Amino acid sequence: MRISSKAVSSVSIIIILILAILAGVILKMKTTAIRLPETLGPWTKPDSPQIVTSANIFDYMDGAGELYIGYRFNHLEVYEYTSDSQDDILVELYFMDTSDDAFGLLSLDWGGEPVALSSAQENSSTSSKAQFSRALYGEGLLRIWSDELYARVMAYRETPEAKEAVLTIGRAIAANQKNLPGPEIVEFLSPFIESEWRLRKDRTRFFRSYLVLNSIYYISPQNILDLDLSVDAVTAPYEKTTESGDRERIRFLLVKYIDPDSAQQALGHFHEAFLPEYKKGFSAASAIQEPLFFEVEDSWLGYRLHGSYLAIVFDCPDQESARKIIHHNISNIKEKEETIEK
């Protein structure tokens, strides 16, 4: 049977298109320059990793996939070091689209002992206002933020030999990685508010998804703040000890949207859903010049818009404390903007 040249040409075009699509997929997946040790004492690394993407992440981790795709997640590489005489060691390399996203995953839990995996990490910090660890170890689990990579290295049974193997793998992961600064929005958080309120650095979380926010501080089952992968957001509590020795805690939330219109629209959605009793006469634009405050049950809530930023204070014991916390943190943003303009 004779095949026309036109048909051959059409088939060739289809093949080229398929190859182009496949090439695009491959190019989108970040490549790794990480050289994991082939053997560590009795442990041996597999020849190739298991590859997990957003398409199959729920097959790999049932119920926890939302946490990772709530950030700008590229893909995950999984290695399992095996041994005949010791329990296995699991290595998970989460390749994120930005260093901010890798920081965000580590920020969800600051537990464990800080460890320095390289000389560069010993001397690095995210900002002059708040320094954060880049690697934390505890009970056989090592978690790392290194450049655009978030990593978990876990010994199924912690022994002195297993701990050393975990740290050796960690050093290999951190080798030749850039120690980029943390998210800029985190730097805007004042560590102290007039010597009264102290920021809980160990409860500072960077995120983008409302599902992640709800795991930190529950607000609503719906996305009433219009959070998505285009936003930067940070939340942390401020605490103070009263004269009676009691501890008071305020929840502060700061979100940077893609533009001022998006921030104003998000505030409108939040107010309508969270403060329905204050719906009458509401205008999001009124929060641009001055913060607005609302009594909610036995505490105060306050918010303010500044350009693309929305600042909200929850669970405040009094209106004046809410005003101070909003004012100091918005002032930090203004100071940064004025520096850029100069």
Protein backbone atom coordinates (compact mmCIF):
# COMPACT_ATOMS: atom_id res chain seq x y z
CA MET A 1 0.00 0.00 0.00
CA ARG A 2 1.39 3.32 -1.05
CA ILE A 3 1.38 6.17 1.51
CA SER A 4 1.23 9.67 0.08
CA SER A 5 3.93 12.19 0.89
CA LYS A 6 1.20 14.46 2.30
CA ALA A 7 0.19 11.78 4.82
CA VAL A 8 3.83 11.22 5.78
CA SER A 9 4.21 14.95 6.25
CA SER A 10 1.12 15.06 8.50
CA VAL A 11 2.40 12.16 10.61
CA SER A 12 5.78 13.88 10.92
CA ILE A 13 4.13 17.07 12.11
CA ILE A 14 2.13 15.14 14.72
CA ILE A 15 5.28 13.40 15.97
CA ILE A 16 7.12 16.71 16.19
CA LEU A 17 4.25 18.25 18.16
CA ILE A 18 4.18 15.31 20.59
CA LEU A 19 7.93 15.54 21.09
CA ALA A 20 7.67 19.29 21.63
CA ILE A 21 4.99 18.79 24.29
CA LEU A 22 7.06 16.13 26.02
CA ALA A 23 10.12 18.36 25.87
CA GLY A 24 8.11 21.17 27.44
CA VAL A 25 7.09 18.92 30.32
CA ILE A 26 10.67 17.82 30.85
CA LEU A 27 11.95 21.40 30.75
CA LYS A 28 9.39 22.45 33.37
CA MET A 29 10.69 19.85 35.81
CA LYS A 30 13.64 21.26 37.71
CA THR A 31 16.84 19.31 37.35
CA THR A 32 19.01 18.48 40.32
CA ALA A 33 22.74 18.89 40.80
CA ILE A 34 22.57 17.18 44.18
CA ARG A 35 24.96 14.27 44.57
CA LEU A 36 23.72 11.94 47.26
CA PRO A 37 26.23 9.37 48.56
CA GLU A 38 25.79 5.96 46.98
CA THR A 39 26.55 4.14 50.22
CA LEU A 40 26.67 5.13 53.88
CA GLY A 41 27.99 2.40 56.14
CA PRO A 42 25.42 -0.40 55.79
CA TRP A 43 22.98 1.74 53.76
CA THR A 44 22.72 1.75 49.97
CA LYS A 45 20.92 4.28 47.79
CA PRO A 46 18.66 3.06 44.97
CA ASP A 47 19.80 3.71 41.41
CA SER A 48 16.96 6.12 40.65
CA PRO A 49 14.37 8.06 42.65
CA GLN A 50 10.61 7.80 42.71
CA ILE A 51 9.27 10.93 40.98
CA VAL A 52 6.17 12.56 42.45
CA THR A 53 4.36 15.48 40.79
CA SER A 54 1.18 17.36 41.62
CA ALA A 55 -0.64 14.85 39.41
CA ASN A 56 0.21 11.85 41.60
CA ILE A 57 1.14 13.40 44.95
CA PHE A 58 -2.07 12.12 46.57
CA ASP A 59 -1.09 8.58 45.65
CA TYR A 60 2.21 9.08 47.46
CA MET A 61 0.83 10.83 50.56
CA ASP A 62 -2.83 10.36 51.31
CA GLY A 63 -4.34 13.49 52.83
CA ALA A 64 -1.17 15.63 53.01
CA GLY A 65 -0.76 16.58 49.36
CA GLU A 66 -2.66 19.86 49.83
CA LEU A 67 0.11 21.08 52.09
CA TYR A 68 2.74 20.90 49.34
CA ILE A 69 0.69 21.99 46.34
CA GLY A 70 -0.46 24.91 48.50
CA TYR A 71 2.98 26.27 47.65
CA ARG A 72 4.63 26.60 44.24
CA PHE A 73 5.54 22.94 44.04
CA ASN A 74 7.52 21.58 41.11
CA HIS A 75 8.16 17.94 41.91
CA LEU A 76 9.41 15.54 44.57
CA GLU A 77 12.22 12.99 44.34
CA VAL A 78 12.12 10.12 46.83
CA TYR A 79 15.04 7.85 47.71
CA GLU A 80 14.99 5.08 50.28
CA TYR A 81 18.36 3.94 51.58
CA THR A 82 18.16 0.27 52.55
CA SER A 83 20.27 -1.93 54.79
CA ASP A 84 20.30 -5.58 55.84
CA SER A 85 21.22 -4.69 59.43
CA GLN A 86 19.54 -1.29 60.01
CA ASP A 87 16.13 0.26 59.41
CA ASP A 88 15.77 2.27 56.21
CA ILE A 89 16.46 5.98 55.75
CA LEU A 90 13.95 7.98 53.70
CA VAL A 91 15.08 10.99 51.65
CA GLU A 92 12.51 13.38 50.18
CA LEU A 93 13.68 16.26 47.97
CA TYR A 94 10.92 18.80 47.33
CA PHE A 95 11.85 21.02 44.40
CA MET A 96 9.93 24.28 44.68
CA ASP A 97 9.64 27.14 42.20
CA THR A 98 11.14 29.70 44.61
CA SER A 99 13.26 29.80 47.74
CA ASP A 100 10.30 31.46 49.50
CA ASP A 101 8.24 28.30 49.01
CA ALA A 102 10.99 26.09 50.43
CA PHE A 103 11.21 28.44 53.41
CA GLY A 104 7.44 28.25 53.79
CA LEU A 105 7.47 24.47 54.14
CA LEU A 106 10.16 24.61 56.81
CA SER A 107 8.36 27.46 58.59
CA LEU A 108 5.33 25.26 59.27
CA ASP A 109 7.29 23.62 62.09
CA TRP A 110 10.31 25.22 63.76
CA GLY A 111 10.69 22.28 66.14
CA GLY A 112 13.97 20.45 66.54
CA GLU A 113 17.55 21.51 67.15
CA PRO A 114 19.20 23.86 64.63
CA VAL A 115 22.10 22.28 62.78
CA ALA A 116 24.60 23.85 60.37
CA LEU A 117 25.18 21.66 57.34
CA SER A 118 27.72 23.98 55.68
CA SER A 119 29.99 26.87 56.63
CA ALA A 120 27.75 29.20 54.60
CA GLN A 121 24.74 28.24 56.70
CA GLU A 122 26.62 29.03 59.90
CA ASN A 123 26.97 32.66 58.80
CA SER A 124 23.67 33.20 57.00
CA SER A 125 20.46 34.85 58.15
CA THR A 126 17.25 35.90 56.45
CA SER A 127 17.31 39.48 57.70
CA SER A 128 18.62 41.81 60.36
CA LYS A 129 15.27 41.66 62.14
CA ALA A 130 14.63 37.93 62.31
CA GLN A 131 17.03 35.04 61.85
CA PHE A 132 15.70 31.61 61.01
CA SER A 133 17.39 28.23 60.97
CA ARG A 134 17.94 26.52 57.63
CA ALA A 135 18.11 22.99 59.02
CA LEU A 136 16.45 21.38 62.04
CA TYR A 137 17.03 17.92 63.49
CA GLY A 138 15.06 15.94 66.04
CA GLU A 139 14.37 12.27 66.78
CA GLY A 140 15.82 10.96 63.55
CA LEU A 141 14.23 13.58 61.28
CA LEU A 142 16.23 16.29 59.49
CA ARG A 143 14.39 19.08 57.65
CA ILE A 144 16.22 21.50 55.37
CA TRP A 145 15.53 24.75 53.54
CA SER A 146 18.29 25.17 50.97
CA ASP A 147 17.84 27.50 48.02
CA GLU A 148 14.69 26.37 46.16
CA LEU A 149 14.77 22.99 47.85
CA TYR A 150 12.95 21.69 50.90
CA ALA A 151 14.20 18.31 52.08
CA ARG A 152 13.26 15.70 54.66
CA VAL A 153 15.72 12.99 55.68
CA MET A 154 14.30 10.49 58.16
CA ALA A 155 15.77 7.46 59.86
CA TYR A 156 12.94 5.04 60.64
CA ARG A 157 14.83 4.14 63.82
CA GLU A 158 17.23 6.62 65.35
CA THR A 159 20.61 5.23 66.38
CA PRO A 160 23.95 7.07 66.67
CA GLU A 161 24.97 5.53 63.34
CA ALA A 162 21.64 6.44 61.70
CA LYS A 163 21.84 10.03 62.98
CA GLU A 164 25.31 10.45 61.50
CA ALA A 165 24.09 9.00 58.19
CA VAL A 166 21.12 11.40 58.15
CA LEU A 167 23.39 14.39 58.79
CA THR A 168 25.85 13.22 56.13
CA ILE A 169 23.01 13.06 53.59
CA GLY A 170 21.93 16.52 54.76
CA ARG A 171 25.39 17.92 54.15
CA ALA A 172 25.34 16.45 50.64
CA ILE A 173 21.98 18.10 49.98
CA ALA A 174 23.12 21.50 51.23
CA ALA A 175 26.46 21.38 49.40
CA ASN A 176 26.83 24.04 46.67
CA GLN A 177 23.32 25.36 47.33
CA LYS A 178 22.72 29.11 47.56
CA ASN A 179 21.58 30.46 50.93
CA LEU A 180 19.03 32.91 49.58
CA PRO A 181 17.26 35.25 52.00
CA GLY A 182 13.79 34.42 53.29
CA PRO A 183 10.57 35.98 51.99
CA GLU A 184 10.62 39.78 52.09
CA ILE A 185 7.18 39.89 53.71
CA VAL A 186 8.56 38.11 56.78
CA GLU A 187 11.05 40.94 57.28
CA PHE A 188 8.23 43.43 57.79
CA LEU A 189 7.20 41.83 61.08
CA SER A 190 8.33 43.95 64.02
CA PRO A 191 10.02 41.75 66.64
CA PHE A 192 8.67 43.97 69.43
CA ILE A 193 5.76 46.39 69.71
CA GLU A 194 6.75 49.13 72.18
CA SER A 195 8.35 46.59 74.54
CA GLU A 196 4.89 45.19 75.32
CA TRP A 197 4.17 42.66 72.61
CA ARG A 198 6.82 40.17 71.48
CA LEU A 199 6.72 38.38 68.14
CA ARG A 200 6.82 34.59 68.42
CA LYS A 201 9.47 33.92 65.81
CA ASP A 202 9.07 30.17 66.38
CA ARG A 203 5.42 30.49 65.33
CA THR A 204 6.06 32.56 62.20
CA ARG A 205 4.62 30.85 59.10
CA PHE A 206 4.88 31.79 55.44
CA PHE A 207 2.15 30.46 53.14
CA ARG A 208 -0.01 31.06 50.05
CA SER A 209 -3.04 28.76 50.47
CA TYR A 210 -6.11 29.13 52.67
CA LEU A 211 -5.89 25.39 53.42
CA VAL A 212 -2.41 25.93 54.84
CA LEU A 213 -3.64 28.98 56.78
CA ASN A 214 -6.46 26.94 58.28
CA SER A 215 -3.95 24.36 59.49
CA ILE A 216 -2.15 27.20 61.30
CA TYR A 217 -5.06 29.39 62.40
CA TYR A 218 -8.55 28.42 61.34
CA ILE A 219 -10.60 31.21 59.77
CA SER A 220 -13.17 29.67 57.44
CA PRO A 221 -13.83 26.52 55.40
CA GLN A 222 -13.98 28.82 52.36
CA ASN A 223 -11.25 30.91 50.74
CA ILE A 224 -12.60 34.20 52.10
CA LEU A 225 -9.23 35.98 51.72
CA ASP A 226 -8.79 35.10 48.02
CA LEU A 227 -5.48 33.34 48.70
CA ASP A 228 -3.71 31.54 45.85
CA LEU A 229 -0.23 30.97 44.45
CA SER A 230 0.04 34.63 43.39
CA VAL A 231 0.09 35.95 46.99
CA ASP A 232 2.73 36.13 49.70
CA ALA A 233 1.38 35.74 53.22
CA VAL A 234 2.78 35.47 56.72
CA THR A 235 1.14 34.95 60.07
CA ALA A 236 2.55 34.95 63.59
CA PRO A 237 1.33 35.56 67.12
CA TYR A 238 2.39 38.46 69.32
CA GLU A 239 2.48 37.72 73.04
CA LYS A 240 2.80 39.60 76.31
CA THR A 241 2.72 38.64 79.96
CA THR A 242 0.27 40.63 82.09
CA GLU A 243 0.91 41.91 85.63
CA SER A 244 -1.00 38.91 86.96
CA GLY A 245 1.36 36.57 85.14
CA ASP A 246 -1.16 35.52 82.49
CA ARG A 247 -0.06 35.30 78.86
CA GLU A 248 -2.07 37.11 76.20
CA ARG A 249 -1.73 36.25 72.53
CA ILE A 250 -2.72 38.18 69.40
CA ARG A 251 -2.74 36.69 65.90
CA PHE A 252 -1.29 38.94 63.18
CA LEU A 253 -1.77 38.23 59.46
CA LEU A 254 -0.15 40.07 56.56
CA VAL A 255 -0.94 39.30 52.90
CA LYS A 256 0.59 40.81 49.78
CA TYR A 257 -1.66 40.55 46.72
CA ILE A 258 -0.71 40.94 43.09
CA ASP A 259 -2.05 44.52 43.02
CA PRO A 260 -4.04 47.01 45.17
CA ASP A 261 -7.35 46.17 43.47
CA SER A 262 -6.96 42.50 44.37
CA ALA A 263 -6.17 43.43 47.98
CA GLN A 264 -9.25 45.64 48.22
CA GLN A 265 -11.46 42.96 46.66
CA ALA A 266 -10.10 40.35 49.08
CA LEU A 267 -10.87 42.58 52.05
CA GLY A 268 -14.42 42.96 50.76
CA HIS A 269 -14.86 39.19 50.62
CA PHE A 270 -13.31 38.75 54.06
CA HIS A 271 -15.47 41.40 55.70
CA GLU A 272 -18.68 40.07 54.17
CA ALA A 273 -17.97 36.51 55.30
CA PHE A 274 -16.26 37.09 58.65
CA LEU A 275 -18.04 40.21 59.90
CA PRO A 276 -21.61 39.94 58.59
CA GLU A 277 -22.95 41.87 61.59
CA TYR A 278 -20.91 44.90 60.43
CA LYS A 279 -22.07 44.72 56.83
CA LYS A 280 -24.12 47.92 56.86
CA GLY A 281 -22.21 50.89 55.47
CA PHE A 282 -19.08 48.85 54.80
CA SER A 283 -16.54 50.05 52.24
CA ALA A 284 -13.15 48.37 51.76
CA ALA A 285 -11.72 51.68 50.52
CA SER A 286 -12.27 53.18 53.98
CA ALA A 287 -9.48 50.95 55.33
CA ILE A 288 -6.85 52.47 53.05
CA GLN A 289 -6.08 55.58 55.11
CA GLU A 290 -6.76 54.32 58.63
CA PRO A 291 -7.27 50.91 60.26
CA LEU A 292 -10.79 49.83 61.15
CA PHE A 293 -11.68 47.93 64.33
CA PHE A 294 -14.54 45.63 65.28
CA GLU A 295 -15.52 43.98 68.53
CA VAL A 296 -15.93 40.25 67.95
CA GLU A 297 -17.28 38.26 70.90
CA ASP A 298 -14.82 39.00 73.75
CA SER A 299 -11.94 40.40 71.65
CA TRP A 300 -11.11 42.93 68.95
CA LEU A 301 -10.35 42.52 65.26
CA GLY A 302 -8.65 45.20 63.21
CA TYR A 303 -7.49 45.57 59.61
CA ARG A 304 -5.85 48.01 57.26
CA LEU A 305 -5.07 48.19 53.54
CA HIS A 306 -1.81 49.62 52.25
CA GLY A 307 -1.32 49.32 48.52
CA SER A 308 -1.18 45.61 47.72
CA TYR A 309 -0.95 44.68 51.43
CA LEU A 310 -3.72 43.67 53.78
CA ALA A 311 -2.94 43.54 57.51
CA ILE A 312 -5.37 41.89 59.96
CA VAL A 313 -5.20 41.46 63.73
CA PHE A 314 -7.30 38.78 65.43
CA ASP A 315 -8.02 38.01 69.11
CA CYS A 316 -6.82 41.35 70.43
CA PRO A 317 -7.76 42.19 74.06
CA ASP A 318 -8.21 45.89 73.30
CA GLN A 319 -8.48 48.24 70.37
CA GLU A 320 -5.32 50.20 71.18
CA SER A 321 -3.09 47.11 71.08
CA ALA A 322 -4.57 46.20 67.69
CA ARG A 323 -3.84 49.71 66.46
CA LYS A 324 -0.21 49.56 67.61
CA ILE A 325 0.50 46.21 65.98
CA ILE A 326 -1.00 47.25 62.65
CA HIS A 327 0.75 50.63 62.75
CA HIS A 328 4.23 49.24 63.44
CA ASN A 329 4.07 46.57 60.75
CA ILE A 330 2.60 48.83 58.08
CA SER A 331 5.28 51.41 58.96
CA ASN A 332 7.94 48.82 58.16
CA ILE A 333 6.43 48.39 54.68
CA LYS A 334 6.34 52.15 54.14
CA GLU A 335 9.97 52.47 55.24
CA LYS A 336 11.00 49.84 52.69
CA GLU A 337 9.03 51.59 49.94
CA GLU A 338 10.61 54.96 50.76
CA THR A 339 14.08 53.39 50.63
CA ILE A 340 13.35 51.96 47.16
CA GLU A 341 12.05 55.32 45.91
CA LYS A 342 15.27 57.05 47.00
